[in-house]
């Protein structure tokens, strides 16, 4: 009986695919008066959960360029994207046929400098600017939550404190 269990396990391993790669933008802005950092979250089109803009690789584009493009298409934001990834997180993307595909998402920080009125997915998602702490509470993926909190800590060290007048 153990041999059948072993064969079944080996067959499952043979058909398991490695995680599919995606790229994402952690969109943020620093409030001029207070120096507070805010992050942009949007809802996914399928489940309505809070996410960051992300998408599949694009031919001819570097990973950080894909992240910036997704931020523009999904949230209508433009800005300066870092070329070095903040880190990665994993999640299962449920496809239209109901199959869950494991994905590994490489995340890049994008400092937002422009909000456009018309963009590809306008009206398909809700969007909100929230504190880093609130963003960490809203996202479901633990690794993304950790990335957000690590980014907040990094920004707390580099963002000058604005003095009240």
Protein backbone atom coordinates (compact mmCIF):
# COMPACT_ATOMS: atom_id res chain seq x y z
CA UNK A 1 0.00 0.00 0.00
CA UNK A 2 2.89 2.36 0.74
CA UNK A 3 4.12 1.99 -2.84
CA UNK A 4 0.79 3.30 -4.22
CA UNK A 5 0.94 6.27 -1.86
CA UNK A 6 4.50 6.98 -3.03
CA UNK A 7 3.52 6.73 -6.71
CA UNK A 8 0.52 9.03 -6.20
CA UNK A 9 2.75 11.58 -4.46
CA UNK A 10 5.34 11.39 -7.26
CA UNK A 11 2.65 11.91 -9.91
CA UNK A 12 1.36 15.00 -8.07
CA UNK A 13 4.88 16.41 -7.91
CA UNK A 14 5.40 15.80 -11.65
CA UNK A 15 2.33 17.86 -12.55
CA UNK A 16 2.88 20.67 -10.07
CA UNK A 17 4.05 23.78 -11.85
CA UNK A 18 6.36 26.35 -10.34
CA UNK A 19 4.65 29.59 -9.25
CA UNK A 20 3.84 32.01 -12.08
CA UNK A 21 5.69 35.32 -11.96
CA UNK A 22 3.96 38.68 -11.55
CA UNK A 23 5.19 42.21 -10.87
CA UNK A 24 3.57 44.77 -8.59
CA UNK A 25 3.86 48.39 -7.55
CA UNK A 26 3.64 49.50 -3.94
CA UNK A 27 2.31 53.00 -4.70
CA UNK A 28 2.93 55.64 -2.05
CA UNK A 29 3.04 59.37 -1.47
CA UNK A 30 4.44 61.56 1.28
CA UNK A 31 2.10 64.27 2.54
CA UNK A 32 3.86 67.62 2.23
CA UNK A 33 2.50 69.22 5.41
CA UNK A 34 2.90 66.28 7.80
CA UNK A 35 5.47 64.00 6.18
CA UNK A 36 3.07 61.06 6.64
CA UNK A 37 3.40 58.22 4.16
CA UNK A 38 0.21 56.98 2.49
CA UNK A 39 -0.22 53.90 0.33
CA UNK A 40 -2.65 53.32 -2.46
CA UNK A 41 -4.77 50.20 -2.20
CA UNK A 42 -7.33 49.05 -4.72
CA UNK A 43 -9.84 46.25 -4.82
CA UNK A 44 -9.39 43.24 -7.04
CA UNK A 45 -11.94 42.98 -9.81
CA UNK A 46 -12.94 39.41 -8.97
CA UNK A 47 -13.02 39.07 -5.16
CA UNK A 48 -13.05 42.70 -4.01
CA UNK A 49 -10.13 42.12 -1.62
CA UNK A 50 -7.62 44.93 -1.05
CA UNK A 51 -4.53 44.56 -3.27
CA UNK A 52 -1.76 46.55 -4.93
CA UNK A 53 -1.51 46.92 -8.73
CA UNK A 54 0.12 43.85 -10.27
CA UNK A 55 0.30 41.97 -13.52
CA UNK A 56 2.03 39.47 -15.76
CA UNK A 57 5.40 39.99 -17.49
CA UNK A 58 5.30 42.03 -20.72
CA UNK A 59 7.58 41.40 -23.68
CA UNK A 60 10.32 44.02 -23.97
CA UNK A 61 9.69 45.51 -20.51
CA UNK A 62 11.84 45.18 -17.41
CA UNK A 63 10.12 44.00 -14.24
CA UNK A 64 10.00 47.44 -12.58
CA UNK A 65 8.61 48.91 -15.82
CA UNK A 66 5.82 46.32 -15.77
CA UNK A 67 5.02 47.29 -12.17
CA UNK A 68 4.81 50.99 -13.14
CA UNK A 69 2.64 50.16 -16.18
CA UNK A 70 0.23 48.13 -14.03
CA UNK A 71 -0.04 51.02 -11.56
CA UNK A 72 -1.01 53.30 -14.44
CA UNK A 73 -3.51 50.87 -16.02
CA UNK A 74 -5.17 49.76 -12.78
CA UNK A 75 -5.02 52.91 -10.64
CA UNK A 76 -4.21 55.82 -12.97
CA UNK A 77 -1.02 56.77 -11.16
CA UNK A 78 2.39 57.71 -12.49
CA UNK A 79 5.60 58.39 -10.68
CA UNK A 80 9.13 57.25 -9.99
CA UNK A 81 9.55 53.49 -9.64
CA UNK A 82 12.56 51.98 -7.91
CA UNK A 83 14.58 49.53 -10.01
CA UNK A 84 15.39 47.31 -7.02
CA UNK A 85 12.58 45.11 -5.72
CA UNK A 86 11.38 45.56 -2.14
CA UNK A 87 10.75 41.83 -1.94
CA UNK A 88 8.25 39.20 -2.99
CA UNK A 89 5.01 37.65 -1.79
CA UNK A 90 3.00 34.65 -2.83
CA UNK A 91 -0.71 34.12 -3.36
CA UNK A 92 -3.05 31.82 -5.25
CA UNK A 93 -4.75 33.46 -8.23
CA UNK A 94 -8.11 31.87 -8.98
CA UNK A 95 -8.63 31.79 -12.75
CA UNK A 96 -11.99 32.13 -14.50
CA UNK A 97 -12.31 28.33 -14.71
CA UNK A 98 -11.91 28.06 -10.92
CA UNK A 99 -8.38 26.65 -10.96
CA UNK A 100 -6.02 28.22 -8.40
CA UNK A 101 -2.59 29.07 -9.79
CA UNK A 102 0.23 29.81 -7.35
CA UNK A 103 1.88 33.16 -8.13
CA UNK A 104 5.06 34.81 -6.89
CA UNK A 105 4.89 38.61 -7.02
CA UNK A 106 7.98 40.82 -7.14
CA UNK A 107 7.16 44.23 -5.58
CA UNK A 108 8.63 47.61 -6.49
CA UNK A 109 8.10 50.91 -4.67
CA UNK A 110 6.57 53.65 -6.80
CA UNK A 111 6.44 57.22 -5.49
CA UNK A 112 3.31 58.71 -7.02
CA UNK A 113 3.64 62.17 -8.53
CA UNK A 114 0.63 62.22 -10.86
CA UNK A 115 -2.98 61.03 -10.76
CA UNK A 116 -4.68 60.86 -14.14
CA UNK A 117 -8.43 61.16 -14.73
CA UNK A 118 -8.77 58.58 -17.49
CA UNK A 119 -7.10 55.18 -17.36
CA UNK A 120 -7.78 51.66 -18.61
CA UNK A 121 -9.50 50.15 -15.56
CA UNK A 122 -11.23 53.27 -14.24
CA UNK A 123 -14.53 52.39 -12.56
CA UNK A 124 -13.66 48.70 -12.27
CA UNK A 125 -12.11 48.98 -8.80
CA UNK A 126 -12.36 51.00 -5.61
CA UNK A 127 -9.22 52.87 -4.57
CA UNK A 128 -8.14 54.42 -1.29
CA UNK A 129 -5.10 56.20 0.07
CA UNK A 130 -4.43 54.83 3.56
CA UNK A 131 -1.69 54.84 6.17
CA UNK A 132 0.90 52.07 5.97
CA UNK A 133 -0.55 50.54 9.14
CA UNK A 134 -4.05 50.52 7.65
CA UNK A 135 -2.74 49.02 4.40
CA UNK A 136 -1.08 46.22 6.37
CA UNK A 137 -4.39 45.50 8.13
CA UNK A 138 -6.39 45.39 4.90
CA UNK A 139 -4.30 43.06 2.73
CA UNK A 140 -4.81 39.33 3.16
CA UNK A 141 -1.39 38.02 2.14
CA UNK A 142 0.93 37.80 5.19
CA UNK A 143 4.10 38.28 3.12
CA UNK A 144 2.65 41.43 1.51
CA UNK A 145 1.69 42.69 4.97
CA UNK A 146 5.32 42.17 6.07
CA UNK A 147 6.60 44.03 2.99
CA UNK A 148 4.31 46.98 3.72
CA UNK A 149 5.44 47.18 7.34
CA UNK A 150 9.12 46.90 6.35
CA UNK A 151 8.63 49.67 3.78
CA UNK A 152 6.92 51.84 6.42
CA UNK A 153 9.87 51.33 8.76
CA UNK A 154 12.30 52.25 5.96
CA UNK A 155 10.33 55.40 5.17
CA UNK A 156 10.18 56.38 8.85
CA UNK A 157 13.99 56.40 8.87
CA UNK A 158 14.36 58.43 5.66
CA UNK A 159 11.38 60.81 5.74
CA UNK A 160 12.19 64.06 7.54
CA UNK A 161 9.77 65.03 10.28
CA UNK A 162 7.91 68.18 9.36
CA UNK A 163 7.65 70.67 12.20
CA UNK A 164 4.33 72.37 12.84
CA UNK A 165 4.41 76.15 12.45
